[in-house]
Amino acid sequence: MPEILTTEFKADATRRFANDVENNDYYIFASSINEIIPADTEVSKTEFLEKVIFGKKIKTRDTHFMIKYYPWQRDDVFVQYDDSEELEGQKFYCVVGPNDNDTGDYRVYKCLFNNYGAGVTSPPAFNESSADQIYRTADGYIWKFMYVISELEFDAYNSQGFIPIVGDFDTNPSANTGGGISDVIVENNEDNFGYVEETGRVTDTDIVNSVVEVFPDGTFNPIEDYYVGQSIYFTNPDSSTFLYQITAYNYDDQTGRADIRLNIDPVTQGGGTSVVKQNASFSIFPTIKIEGDGSGAVAIPTVVDGRISTVIVLNPGDGYNNVTAQVVDPAYDFDPSSQETTDVRASIRAVLTPDSDHGYNLINEFRCRHYSLYAYITTDDNNIIPNENTYASVGIVKNPQFSTLTPPEVFDNRIEITTANADRVTANTTVVQISSETQDVTFSGRVHEIDETNDKIYLAHYMGPYQNNANTGNGDTSLDLTRSLRNETGQIIEINTPAADNVVVSPYIQRSGKVYFMENFFPLNRTSENVENGLVENIVAKEEFKIVLEF
């Protein structure tokens, strides 16, 4: 039996993590001078924490729900939205960037109709005056504008093929109010046949008892009530439109005009003046009947060469949870059951919007299951954290503990020692403390940086299988201020006295916090050389950390 973990579950899991980030302290930790192999084991997570070099707090404003980046590209085929299809992992939306729009930003559009799998040639062009923000492009596609990403937001937060969701994107996700009609799909658009569309114009607006006189572009059928049950769609010279059903029909073959009674009186609609104007054009075509538990949905067919090729939704309605759509058979000259005709009934299917319409809840609509955490190193940060040597791993840590009253925005996790013997060590070598009683190693650290100008050395990787010393710093390391250090050749490195004033420990409580993510890479050097005009300049990195988590 198939088992389905729904996209709603995944989206809600992502929401819960986002809420957790908002209500807790999350940090990016940089760890390990040399490459380590992370694994989801207690040993690996402990090793990561024990080798932390520096950390940077993640600001809530720099975290985002993320979706795949599908740029609009000519000849690409996008998948149209369909409430009966699984859309996760499908290209059912596009991003129109600055190269393809005149707004200078990135606009996300959802595909409502893909012209039966055609390639795109015309990107949707945003128009703020559009009431429904639905765009029909020259290539036959229909798009719904969803949201906009500024160029600054795009540059800052796009990562690993994902872009952020921004704006009012998570409105009342638990409500179930039903939706409207997003589209009506003609499932046999190439095979149905036998439908006729008549066109013409209004000759007289002296409408009495809902009867309007019209003049056809061609010749109407002379049979009385021939078009009863079909729809008539008027377009006034000012482009306003009105749709009615035909309840009676009479054709005068002497004048070539017809009287058509409508199901609604246009004069009453206009408060005494007909809403259908002189010289209005009209089309007569089969009626699209929509039924369901909602109300208000209206659609009309497009008839081409005897076939219903598409259906245009004039009003999506609302409150639908279950809906059907059908083409009402014309009363005359249409008999798909007869073997003497070539008539084939059009099969259509209504597609519902998500609850409360497209664009109401972007997290659910985009099947969002990714969340990004972003942090970056500033010039001021580089005055606090090390600008020498390397690190080879980063991770996300929740609620690390600190000795300070408030968690710091950034911290250096190395031990700073002032010593007159800084010239006796070299970077990336080990220094130790040894018990005078047992000759056992009681402390070990890796020399990360040497500042001979100020007689300082900085130690990393100083956590190990040793007993912590309660009298040093936070009491969470084994460093003993009463003992000297030894380098790898046994030379003594004395801590300047008084030792308590010449040792600075990290505010981070060692090994604290939950590791949620780890990644390793080739060791990254925080300082690089820039040679220009024969002069060598050391450039300190200002890293951006972009991590996208999948739920």
Protein backbone atom coordinates (compact mmCIF):
# COMPACT_ATOMS: atom_id res chain seq x y z
CA MET A 1 0.00 0.00 0.00
CA PRO A 2 1.35 3.46 -0.90
CA GLU A 3 2.29 5.77 1.95
CA ILE A 4 2.30 9.52 1.33
CA LEU A 5 3.95 12.14 3.52
CA THR A 6 2.08 15.21 2.33
CA THR A 7 3.57 18.54 1.40
CA GLU A 8 1.48 20.13 4.16
CA PHE A 9 3.32 18.02 6.72
CA LYS A 10 6.67 19.08 5.28
CA ALA A 11 5.65 22.73 5.15
CA ASP A 12 4.45 22.60 8.77
CA ALA A 13 7.74 20.99 9.83
CA THR A 14 9.54 23.88 8.16
CA ARG A 15 7.24 26.35 9.95
CA ARG A 16 8.00 24.76 13.30
CA PHE A 17 11.73 25.13 12.69
CA ALA A 18 11.26 28.77 11.65
CA ASN A 19 9.35 29.40 14.87
CA ASP A 20 12.12 27.70 16.84
CA VAL A 21 14.74 29.94 15.21
CA GLU A 22 12.71 33.01 16.12
CA ASN A 23 12.45 32.00 19.78
CA ASN A 24 15.97 30.69 20.39
CA ASP A 25 19.61 31.61 19.77
CA TYR A 26 21.13 30.08 16.66
CA TYR A 27 24.77 30.47 15.69
CA ILE A 28 27.07 29.68 12.81
CA PHE A 29 30.14 28.00 14.30
CA ALA A 30 33.44 27.79 12.41
CA SER A 31 35.44 24.80 13.58
CA SER A 32 38.65 22.82 13.11
CA ILE A 33 41.91 24.10 11.63
CA ASN A 34 42.13 21.01 9.47
CA GLU A 35 39.42 19.07 7.68
CA ILE A 36 37.25 16.76 9.75
CA ILE A 37 34.75 14.16 8.59
CA PRO A 38 31.34 15.03 10.07
CA ALA A 39 28.87 12.29 10.93
CA ASP A 40 25.59 12.14 12.81
CA THR A 41 27.20 10.63 15.87
CA GLU A 42 27.82 11.93 19.37
CA VAL A 43 31.58 11.58 18.85
CA SER A 44 31.50 13.69 15.69
CA LYS A 45 29.27 16.40 17.19
CA THR A 46 31.47 16.58 20.28
CA GLU A 47 34.59 16.87 18.12
CA PHE A 48 32.99 19.71 16.18
CA LEU A 49 32.17 21.62 19.39
CA GLU A 50 35.59 20.98 20.92
CA LYS A 51 37.35 22.48 17.90
CA VAL A 52 35.25 25.63 17.52
CA ILE A 53 37.37 28.62 16.49
CA PHE A 54 34.77 31.39 16.30
CA GLY A 55 31.03 31.89 16.07
CA LYS A 56 28.53 34.38 14.66
CA LYS A 57 24.94 34.78 15.80
CA ILE A 58 22.23 34.37 13.15
CA LYS A 59 19.73 37.22 13.05
CA THR A 60 16.09 36.26 12.56
CA ARG A 61 15.76 38.78 9.73
CA ASP A 62 18.42 36.81 7.84
CA THR A 63 16.45 33.55 7.85
CA HIS A 64 13.98 32.65 5.10
CA PHE A 65 11.67 30.03 3.73
CA MET A 66 13.21 28.97 0.41
CA ILE A 67 11.97 27.57 -2.91
CA LYS A 68 13.80 26.31 -5.98
CA TYR A 69 14.96 28.95 -8.42
CA TYR A 70 13.37 28.45 -11.84
CA PRO A 71 14.32 31.42 -14.01
CA TRP A 72 12.16 32.29 -17.01
CA GLN A 73 14.14 31.19 -20.07
CA ARG A 74 12.99 31.24 -23.67
CA ASP A 75 11.71 27.87 -24.99
CA ASP A 76 11.49 26.34 -21.50
CA VAL A 77 8.25 24.45 -20.81
CA PHE A 78 6.66 25.16 -17.44
CA VAL A 79 4.16 22.92 -15.68
CA GLN A 80 0.73 24.43 -15.19
CA TYR A 81 -0.93 24.42 -11.79
CA ASP A 82 -3.38 21.54 -11.42
CA ASP A 83 -5.14 20.53 -8.21
CA SER A 84 -5.10 16.88 -9.28
CA GLU A 85 -1.35 16.70 -9.92
CA GLU A 86 1.62 16.41 -7.56
CA LEU A 87 3.62 19.59 -8.10
CA GLU A 88 6.50 19.12 -5.68
CA GLY A 89 9.74 19.27 -7.64
CA GLN A 90 7.96 20.55 -10.76
CA LYS A 91 8.63 23.83 -12.58
CA PHE A 92 5.16 25.25 -12.01
CA TYR A 93 6.37 28.82 -11.51
CA CYS A 94 9.03 31.05 -12.98
CA VAL A 95 11.20 33.95 -11.85
CA VAL A 96 11.42 36.88 -14.27
CA GLY A 97 14.68 38.70 -13.54
CA PRO A 98 16.04 42.14 -14.48
CA ASN A 99 17.19 40.92 -17.90
CA ASP A 100 13.59 40.10 -18.87
CA ASN A 101 11.60 42.85 -17.15
CA ASP A 102 11.71 46.62 -16.76
CA THR A 103 11.21 46.66 -12.99
CA GLY A 104 14.83 45.91 -12.06
CA ASP A 105 13.95 43.13 -9.64
CA TYR A 106 12.91 39.47 -9.54
CA ARG A 107 9.20 38.70 -9.89
CA VAL A 108 7.74 35.27 -9.23
CA TYR A 109 4.83 34.10 -11.37
CA LYS A 110 2.80 30.91 -11.02
CA CYS A 111 1.86 29.09 -14.24
CA LEU A 112 -1.91 28.64 -14.52
CA PHE A 113 -1.93 27.49 -18.16
CA ASN A 114 0.99 26.36 -20.34
CA ASN A 115 -0.77 26.29 -23.72
CA TYR A 116 -0.73 22.50 -23.74
CA GLY A 117 3.00 22.16 -23.14
CA ALA A 118 4.34 24.91 -25.39
CA GLY A 119 7.71 26.57 -24.86
CA VAL A 120 7.69 30.10 -23.47
CA THR A 121 8.60 33.05 -25.70
CA SER A 122 7.02 36.04 -23.92
CA PRO A 123 7.71 36.75 -20.23
CA PRO A 124 4.85 38.23 -18.20
CA ALA A 125 5.25 42.01 -17.82
CA PHE A 126 4.16 43.32 -14.42
CA ASN A 127 1.44 45.97 -14.37
CA GLU A 128 0.54 47.36 -10.95
CA SER A 129 -2.88 48.45 -12.22
CA SER A 130 -3.92 44.85 -12.93
CA ALA A 131 -6.73 44.01 -10.51
CA ASP A 132 -6.30 40.24 -10.47
CA GLN A 133 -2.58 40.17 -11.38
CA ILE A 134 -3.23 37.46 -13.98
CA TYR A 135 -1.26 37.81 -17.20
CA ARG A 136 -2.01 36.24 -20.57
CA THR A 137 1.13 36.33 -22.70
CA ALA A 138 1.55 36.12 -26.47
CA ASP A 139 2.84 32.55 -26.25
CA GLY A 140 -0.51 31.36 -24.88
CA TYR A 141 0.61 31.05 -21.25
CA ILE A 142 -1.40 32.37 -18.32
CA TRP A 143 0.55 33.53 -15.24
CA LYS A 144 -0.41 34.69 -11.76
CA PHE A 145 1.91 37.18 -10.09
CA MET A 146 2.88 35.91 -6.64
CA TYR A 147 5.55 38.15 -5.07
CA VAL A 148 8.63 40.26 -5.75
CA ILE A 149 12.23 39.90 -4.57
CA SER A 150 14.38 43.03 -4.67
CA GLU A 151 17.75 42.77 -6.35
CA LEU A 152 19.41 43.35 -2.98
CA GLU A 153 17.41 40.51 -1.37
CA PHE A 154 18.12 38.21 -4.29
CA ASP A 155 21.88 38.85 -4.18
CA ALA A 156 22.02 38.42 -0.40
CA TYR A 157 19.88 35.34 0.08
CA ASN A 158 19.83 33.22 -3.09
CA SER A 159 21.84 30.09 -2.45
CA GLN A 160 22.44 26.64 -3.92
CA GLY A 161 19.69 27.08 -6.50
CA PHE A 162 17.12 28.41 -4.01
CA ILE A 163 15.51 31.82 -3.55
CA PRO A 164 13.70 33.29 -0.54
CA ILE A 165 9.99 33.73 -0.04
CA VAL A 166 9.44 37.32 1.07
CA GLY A 167 6.41 39.40 2.00
CA ASP A 168 3.13 38.34 3.65
CA PHE A 169 3.53 34.66 2.91
CA ASP A 170 1.93 32.66 5.72
CA THR A 171 -1.67 33.78 6.25
CA ASN A 172 -3.88 31.57 8.45
CA PRO A 173 -2.57 28.22 7.16
CA SER A 174 -5.10 26.14 9.11
CA ALA A 175 -8.24 27.81 7.73
CA ASN A 176 -10.26 25.89 5.12
CA THR A 177 -12.53 28.34 3.34
CA GLY A 178 -12.48 26.75 -0.09
CA GLY A 179 -11.19 28.26 -3.29
CA GLY A 180 -12.25 29.55 -6.67
CA ILE A 181 -11.84 28.20 -10.19
CA SER A 182 -8.24 28.52 -11.28
CA ASP A 183 -8.70 27.03 -14.73
CA VAL A 184 -11.01 24.84 -16.77
CA ILE A 185 -8.97 22.31 -18.73
CA VAL A 186 -10.19 20.95 -22.05
CA GLU A 187 -8.95 17.39 -21.80
CA ASN A 188 -9.65 16.54 -25.46
CA ASN A 189 -8.90 19.93 -27.01
CA GLU A 190 -7.71 18.39 -30.28
CA ASP A 191 -10.43 15.71 -30.55
CA ASN A 192 -13.74 17.39 -29.69
CA PHE A 193 -15.78 18.65 -32.65
CA GLY A 194 -19.12 19.99 -33.83
CA TYR A 195 -19.33 23.30 -31.97
CA VAL A 196 -20.23 26.60 -33.63
CA GLU A 197 -19.56 30.19 -32.59
CA GLU A 198 -21.65 32.97 -34.10
CA THR A 199 -20.61 36.63 -34.05
CA GLY A 200 -22.16 39.97 -34.87
CA ARG A 201 -23.14 43.34 -33.41
CA VAL A 202 -26.01 45.05 -31.63
CA THR A 203 -28.16 47.16 -33.98
CA ASP A 204 -30.69 48.60 -31.55
CA THR A 205 -30.47 49.19 -27.81
CA ASP A 206 -34.20 49.74 -27.43
CA ILE A 207 -34.45 46.60 -25.32
CA VAL A 208 -37.94 45.57 -24.18
CA ASN A 209 -38.70 42.58 -21.98
CA SER A 210 -35.03 41.48 -22.10
CA VAL A 211 -35.11 41.16 -25.92
CA VAL A 212 -32.16 42.59 -27.85
CA GLU A 213 -32.01 42.95 -31.64
CA VAL A 214 -28.72 41.80 -33.19
CA PHE A 215 -27.20 41.63 -36.67
CA PRO A 216 -24.95 38.63 -37.46
CA ASP A 217 -21.62 38.81 -39.25
CA GLY A 218 -22.78 35.87 -41.38
CA THR A 219 -26.11 34.10 -41.58
CA PHE A 220 -27.96 32.88 -38.50
CA ASN A 221 -29.85 29.60 -38.48
CA PRO A 222 -33.55 30.31 -39.22
CA ILE A 223 -34.94 27.65 -36.86
CA GLU A 224 -36.86 29.26 -34.01
CA ASP A 225 -35.14 28.94 -30.60
CA TYR A 226 -32.15 27.36 -32.36
CA TYR A 227 -29.67 29.01 -29.94
CA VAL A 228 -31.70 28.65 -26.74
CA GLY A 229 -29.55 27.39 -23.87
CA GLN A 230 -26.39 28.78 -25.37
CA SER A 231 -24.52 31.83 -24.07
CA ILE A 232 -24.16 35.26 -25.63
CA TYR A 233 -21.22 37.46 -24.68
CA PHE A 234 -21.38 41.19 -25.42
CA THR A 235 -18.36 43.49 -25.66
CA ASN A 236 -19.20 47.20 -25.65
CA PRO A 237 -17.16 49.83 -27.50
CA ASP A 238 -15.62 50.80 -24.14
CA SER A 239 -14.48 47.13 -23.68
CA SER A 240 -16.92 46.40 -20.86
CA THR A 241 -18.39 42.90 -21.19
CA PHE A 242 -21.60 41.14 -20.20
CA LEU A 243 -22.59 37.45 -20.36
CA TYR A 244 -26.13 36.09 -20.64
CA GLN A 245 -27.95 32.91 -21.53
CA ILE A 246 -30.38 32.83 -24.44
CA THR A 247 -33.95 31.97 -23.43
CA ALA A 248 -35.68 32.66 -26.77
CA TYR A 249 -34.56 33.26 -30.35
CA ASN A 250 -36.30 34.43 -33.52
CA TYR A 251 -34.64 35.16 -36.86
CA ASP A 252 -36.05 37.45 -39.59
CA ASP A 253 -34.67 36.22 -42.90
CA GLN A 254 -35.99 39.34 -44.64
CA THR A 255 -33.93 41.79 -42.58
CA GLY A 256 -31.16 39.38 -41.63
CA ARG A 257 -31.64 40.41 -38.00
CA ALA A 258 -32.56 38.35 -34.94
CA ASP A 259 -34.37 39.02 -31.69
CA ILE A 260 -32.74 37.30 -28.71
CA ARG A 261 -34.29 37.17 -25.26
CA LEU A 262 -31.78 37.16 -22.41
CA ASN A 263 -32.06 35.52 -19.00
CA ILE A 264 -31.31 38.87 -17.31
CA ASP A 265 -32.68 42.25 -18.40
CA PRO A 266 -29.78 44.58 -19.39
CA VAL A 267 -31.97 47.62 -18.76
CA THR A 268 -32.66 46.54 -15.19
CA GLN A 269 -28.95 45.88 -14.74
CA GLY A 270 -28.19 49.44 -15.78
CA GLY A 271 -30.79 51.02 -13.51
CA GLY A 272 -33.03 52.04 -16.41
CA THR A 273 -30.37 52.30 -19.13
CA SER A 274 -29.17 49.22 -20.95
CA VAL A 275 -25.69 48.04 -20.04
CA VAL A 276 -25.42 46.61 -23.56
CA LYS A 277 -24.59 49.55 -25.85
CA GLN A 278 -25.11 50.44 -29.49
CA ASN A 279 -22.58 48.71 -31.80
CA ALA A 280 -21.53 46.28 -29.10
CA SER A 281 -20.05 43.11 -30.61
CA PHE A 282 -21.21 39.70 -29.47
CA SER A 283 -20.39 36.00 -29.66
CA ILE A 284 -22.80 33.10 -29.27
CA PHE A 285 -21.29 29.81 -28.12
CA PRO A 286 -22.10 26.74 -25.99
CA THR A 287 -22.69 27.35 -22.29
CA ILE A 288 -20.12 26.24 -19.71
CA LYS A 289 -21.98 24.91 -16.67
CA ILE A 290 -20.12 24.96 -13.34
CA GLU A 291 -21.60 23.32 -10.25
CA GLY A 292 -20.23 22.84 -6.77
CA ASP A 293 -20.45 23.82 -3.12
CA GLY A 294 -19.21 27.34 -3.79
CA SER A 295 -20.69 30.12 -5.89
CA GLY A 296 -19.99 32.73 -8.52
CA ALA A 297 -17.74 30.89 -10.98
CA VAL A 298 -18.26 31.82 -14.64
CA ALA A 299 -16.38 30.61 -17.73
CA ILE A 300 -16.75 30.76 -21.50
CA PRO A 301 -15.30 28.59 -24.31
CA THR A 302 -13.02 29.54 -27.17
CA VAL A 303 -14.23 27.84 -30.36
CA VAL A 304 -11.73 27.36 -33.18
CA ASP A 305 -12.61 25.41 -36.36
CA GLY A 306 -15.48 23.59 -34.67
CA ARG A 307 -13.45 22.66 -31.59
CA ILE A 308 -13.45 24.05 -28.06
CA SER A 309 -9.75 24.74 -27.72
CA THR A 310 -9.68 26.49 -24.35
CA VAL A 311 -11.99 27.75 -21.64
CA ILE A 312 -11.58 31.25 -20.22
CA VAL A 313 -12.49 31.81 -16.57
CA LEU A 314 -14.30 35.16 -16.28
CA ASN A 315 -15.00 34.89 -12.56
CA PRO A 316 -13.31 32.29 -10.33
CA GLY A 317 -16.04 32.42 -7.70
CA ASP A 318 -15.21 31.35 -4.15
CA GLY A 319 -15.96 28.85 -1.43
CA TYR A 320 -15.50 25.77 -3.62
CA ASN A 321 -14.15 22.52 -2.22
CA ASN A 322 -15.73 20.25 -4.82
CA VAL A 323 -16.71 21.36 -8.30
CA THR A 324 -17.63 20.00 -11.73
CA ALA A 325 -17.71 21.66 -15.14
CA GLN A 326 -19.34 20.61 -18.39
CA VAL A 327 -20.14 21.97 -21.83
CA VAL A 328 -23.92 22.06 -22.28
CA ASP A 329 -24.78 20.34 -25.55
CA PRO A 330 -26.31 22.68 -28.17
CA ALA A 331 -30.02 21.88 -28.65
CA TYR A 332 -29.71 21.51 -32.42
CA ASP A 333 -27.25 20.00 -34.90
CA PHE A 334 -25.08 18.34 -32.25
CA ASP A 335 -25.40 14.62 -31.61
CA PRO A 336 -22.20 12.86 -30.48
CA SER A 337 -24.11 9.58 -30.03
CA SER A 338 -25.01 9.38 -33.72
CA GLN A 339 -22.70 7.49 -36.04
CA GLU A 340 -23.89 9.73 -38.87
CA THR A 341 -22.12 12.80 -37.46
CA THR A 342 -18.53 13.68 -36.64
CA ASP A 343 -19.57 15.41 -33.42
CA VAL A 344 -17.41 14.71 -30.36
CA ARG A 345 -18.38 16.13 -26.97
CA ALA A 346 -15.73 18.26 -25.25
CA SER A 347 -14.52 16.88 -21.96
CA ILE A 348 -13.62 19.63 -19.50
CA ARG A 349 -12.41 19.65 -15.91
CA ALA A 350 -12.43 22.51 -13.42
CA VAL A 351 -9.26 23.12 -11.43
CA LEU A 352 -9.65 24.74 -8.02
CA THR A 353 -7.30 27.34 -6.62
CA PRO A 354 -5.66 26.69 -3.26
CA ASP A 355 -7.79 27.70 -0.28
CA SER A 356 -8.58 31.42 -0.48
CA ASP A 357 -6.96 31.81 -3.94
CA HIS A 358 -3.47 31.84 -5.43
CA GLY A 359 -0.96 33.90 -3.48
CA TYR A 360 -2.76 33.62 -0.15
CA ASN A 361 -0.38 31.18 1.50
CA LEU A 362 2.93 30.98 -0.35
CA ILE A 363 4.53 28.39 1.93
CA ASN A 364 1.84 25.82 1.19
CA GLU A 365 1.41 26.79 -2.45
CA PHE A 366 5.10 26.48 -3.28
CA ARG A 367 5.39 23.18 -1.38
CA CYS A 368 8.06 24.84 0.75
CA ARG A 369 10.28 22.43 2.64
CA HIS A 370 13.55 24.38 2.70
CA TYR A 371 14.75 27.02 5.14
CA SER A 372 17.89 29.12 4.97
CA LEU A 373 20.07 30.61 7.67
CA TYR A 374 22.40 33.39 6.66
CA ALA A 375 25.23 35.15 8.48
CA TYR A 376 28.13 37.25 7.32
CA ILE A 377 31.39 38.53 8.73
CA THR A 378 31.75 42.31 8.90
CA THR A 379 34.80 44.55 9.26
CA ASP A 380 33.93 45.02 12.95
CA ASP A 381 33.66 41.24 13.40
CA ASN A 382 37.19 40.87 12.06
CA ASN A 383 38.38 42.98 14.99
CA ILE A 384 37.09 40.26 17.33
CA ILE A 385 37.56 36.92 15.58
CA PRO A 386 40.88 35.54 14.28
CA ASN A 387 42.11 36.83 10.94
CA GLU A 388 44.91 34.28 10.71
CA ASN A 389 45.11 30.59 9.87
CA THR A 390 42.28 28.38 8.59
CA TYR A 391 39.04 26.68 9.47
CA ALA A 392 37.62 23.67 7.67
CA SER A 393 34.11 23.15 8.97
CA VAL A 394 30.98 25.16 9.71
CA GLY A 395 27.83 24.21 11.53
CA ILE A 396 24.58 25.45 13.02
CA VAL A 397 24.35 25.30 16.80
CA LYS A 398 21.23 26.01 18.84
CA ASN A 399 21.38 27.74 22.22
CA PRO A 400 25.10 27.65 23.01
CA GLN A 401 25.74 28.96 26.52
CA PHE A 402 27.93 31.93 27.41
CA SER A 403 29.38 33.46 30.53
CA THR A 404 28.17 36.92 29.47
CA LEU A 405 24.77 38.31 30.50
CA THR A 406 23.58 38.41 26.90
CA PRO A 407 24.72 36.11 24.09
CA PRO A 408 27.38 37.88 21.99
CA GLU A 409 26.83 38.68 18.31
CA VAL A 410 30.25 37.22 17.54
CA PHE A 411 32.92 35.53 19.64
CA ASP A 412 36.51 34.26 19.45
CA ASN A 413 36.76 30.82 21.01
CA ARG A 414 40.54 30.71 21.29
CA ILE A 415 42.52 31.11 24.51
CA GLU A 416 44.74 34.19 24.45
CA ILE A 417 47.98 33.85 26.46
CA THR A 418 50.53 36.59 27.03
CA THR A 419 54.06 35.19 27.27
CA ALA A 420 57.61 36.41 26.79
CA ASN A 421 58.29 33.07 25.06
CA ALA A 422 56.05 33.56 22.02
CA ASP A 423 59.13 33.04 19.82
CA ARG A 424 59.37 29.43 21.01
CA VAL A 425 56.21 28.26 19.21
CA THR A 426 55.10 28.05 15.61
CA ALA A 427 51.59 28.02 14.18
CA ASN A 428 49.76 24.68 14.01
CA THR A 429 52.05 23.01 16.56
CA THR A 430 50.93 21.65 19.91
CA VAL A 431 51.65 22.94 23.40
CA VAL A 432 50.87 20.98 26.56
CA GLN A 433 50.86 21.13 30.32
CA ILE A 434 52.24 18.17 32.26
CA SER A 435 51.55 17.09 35.83
CA SER A 436 54.70 17.27 37.96
CA GLU A 437 53.45 14.37 40.03
CA THR A 438 52.40 11.89 37.36
CA GLN A 439 54.10 13.34 34.25
CA ASP A 440 50.76 12.92 32.47
CA VAL A 441 49.48 15.51 30.01
CA THR A 442 46.76 17.55 31.70
CA PHE A 443 46.18 20.13 28.95
CA SER A 444 46.81 20.27 25.22
CA GLY A 445 46.18 23.03 22.71
CA ARG A 446 46.98 23.88 19.11
CA VAL A 447 48.83 27.13 18.38
CA HIS A 448 46.49 28.98 16.04
CA GLU A 449 48.14 32.41 15.89
CA ILE A 450 51.29 34.10 17.16
CA ASP A 451 51.50 37.84 17.82
CA GLU A 452 55.16 38.35 18.71
CA THR A 453 54.75 42.14 18.66
CA ASN A 454 52.42 41.94 21.65
CA ASP A 455 53.89 38.73 23.12
CA LYS A 456 50.70 36.78 22.62
CA ILE A 457 49.82 33.33 21.40
CA TYR A 458 46.34 32.02 20.64
CA LEU A 459 45.35 28.42 21.27
CA ALA A 460 42.60 26.37 19.61
CA HIS A 461 41.66 22.68 19.82
CA TYR A 462 42.29 22.79 23.56
CA MET A 463 39.48 20.50 24.67
CA GLY A 464 40.44 16.91 25.31
CA PRO A 465 40.11 13.97 27.69
CA TYR A 466 41.31 16.00 30.66
CA GLN A 467 39.85 17.06 33.98
CA ASN A 468 38.51 20.63 33.89
CA ASN A 469 40.14 23.19 36.14
CA ALA A 470 37.53 25.09 38.15
CA ASN A 471 39.96 27.94 38.85
CA THR A 472 40.49 28.91 35.22
CA GLY A 473 38.01 31.13 33.38
CA ASN A 474 34.60 29.49 33.18
CA GLY A 475 35.90 26.28 34.70
CA ASP A 476 35.24 24.42 31.47
CA THR A 477 38.84 23.80 30.33
CA SER A 478 41.76 21.93 31.86
CA LEU A 479 44.20 24.87 31.57
CA ASP A 480 46.05 25.34 34.88
CA LEU A 481 47.27 28.90 35.47
CA THR A 482 49.91 27.64 37.94
CA ARG A 483 51.71 25.53 35.34
CA SER A 484 53.89 26.46 32.40
CA LEU A 485 53.36 25.20 28.85
CA ARG A 486 55.77 23.11 26.79
CA ASN A 487 56.24 23.09 23.05
CA GLU A 488 56.78 19.97 20.94
CA THR A 489 60.54 19.99 21.68
CA GLY A 490 60.03 20.36 25.43
CA GLN A 491 60.89 24.06 25.69
CA ILE A 492 59.09 25.93 28.44
CA ILE A 493 56.59 28.67 27.65
CA GLU A 494 55.90 30.65 30.79
CA ILE A 495 52.63 32.53 31.20
CA ASN A 496 53.34 36.13 32.23
CA THR A 497 52.50 36.92 35.83
CA PRO A 498 50.06 37.34 37.30
CA ALA A 499 48.72 34.54 35.14
CA ALA A 500 45.08 35.45 35.76
CA ASP A 501 45.66 38.81 34.08
CA ASN A 502 47.52 37.31 31.13
CA VAL A 503 45.08 34.62 30.06
CA VAL A 504 41.81 35.44 28.28
CA VAL A 505 39.35 32.63 27.74
CA SER A 506 36.33 32.46 25.47
CA PRO A 507 32.90 33.54 26.76
CA TYR A 508 31.52 30.37 25.18
CA ILE A 509 30.81 27.55 27.62
CA GLN A 510 32.70 24.70 25.99
CA ARG A 511 30.73 21.85 24.41
CA SER A 512 27.38 23.61 25.02
CA GLY A 513 24.61 23.85 22.45
CA LYS A 514 22.88 21.41 20.12
CA VAL A 515 24.55 20.75 16.78
CA TYR A 516 21.92 20.81 14.04
CA PHE A 517 24.13 20.89 10.99
CA MET A 518 27.79 20.29 10.08
CA GLU A 519 29.67 20.65 6.81
CA ASN A 520 33.34 20.26 6.03
CA PHE A 521 35.42 21.65 3.18
CA PHE A 522 39.00 22.29 2.15
CA PRO A 523 40.60 24.47 4.86
CA LEU A 524 39.71 28.12 4.25
CA ASN A 525 42.42 30.68 4.99
CA ARG A 526 41.00 33.85 6.48
CA THR A 527 43.79 36.00 5.05
CA SER A 528 44.90 36.15 1.44
CA GLU A 529 47.60 38.17 -0.32
CA ASN A 530 46.80 40.76 -2.95
CA VAL A 531 49.77 41.86 -5.07
CA GLU A 532 49.37 45.15 -6.90
CA ASN A 533 52.14 47.29 -8.39
CA GLY A 534 54.68 45.15 -6.63
CA LEU A 535 53.11 45.77 -3.21
CA VAL A 536 51.74 42.90 -1.13
CA GLU A 537 48.56 43.54 0.84
CA ASN A 538 46.94 41.07 3.22
CA ILE A 539 43.20 40.87 2.69
CA VAL A 540 41.07 39.55 5.55
CA ALA A 541 38.02 37.58 4.45
CA LYS A 542 34.46 38.78 4.99
CA GLU A 543 32.67 35.50 4.58
CA GLU A 544 28.99 34.97 3.88
CA PHE A 545 27.49 31.79 5.29
CA LYS A 546 24.39 30.55 3.46
CA ILE A 547 22.98 27.25 4.67
CA VAL A 548 19.77 25.78 3.24
CA LEU A 549 18.14 23.02 5.29
CA GLU A 550 15.61 20.56 3.85
CA PHE A 551 12.68 19.20 5.84
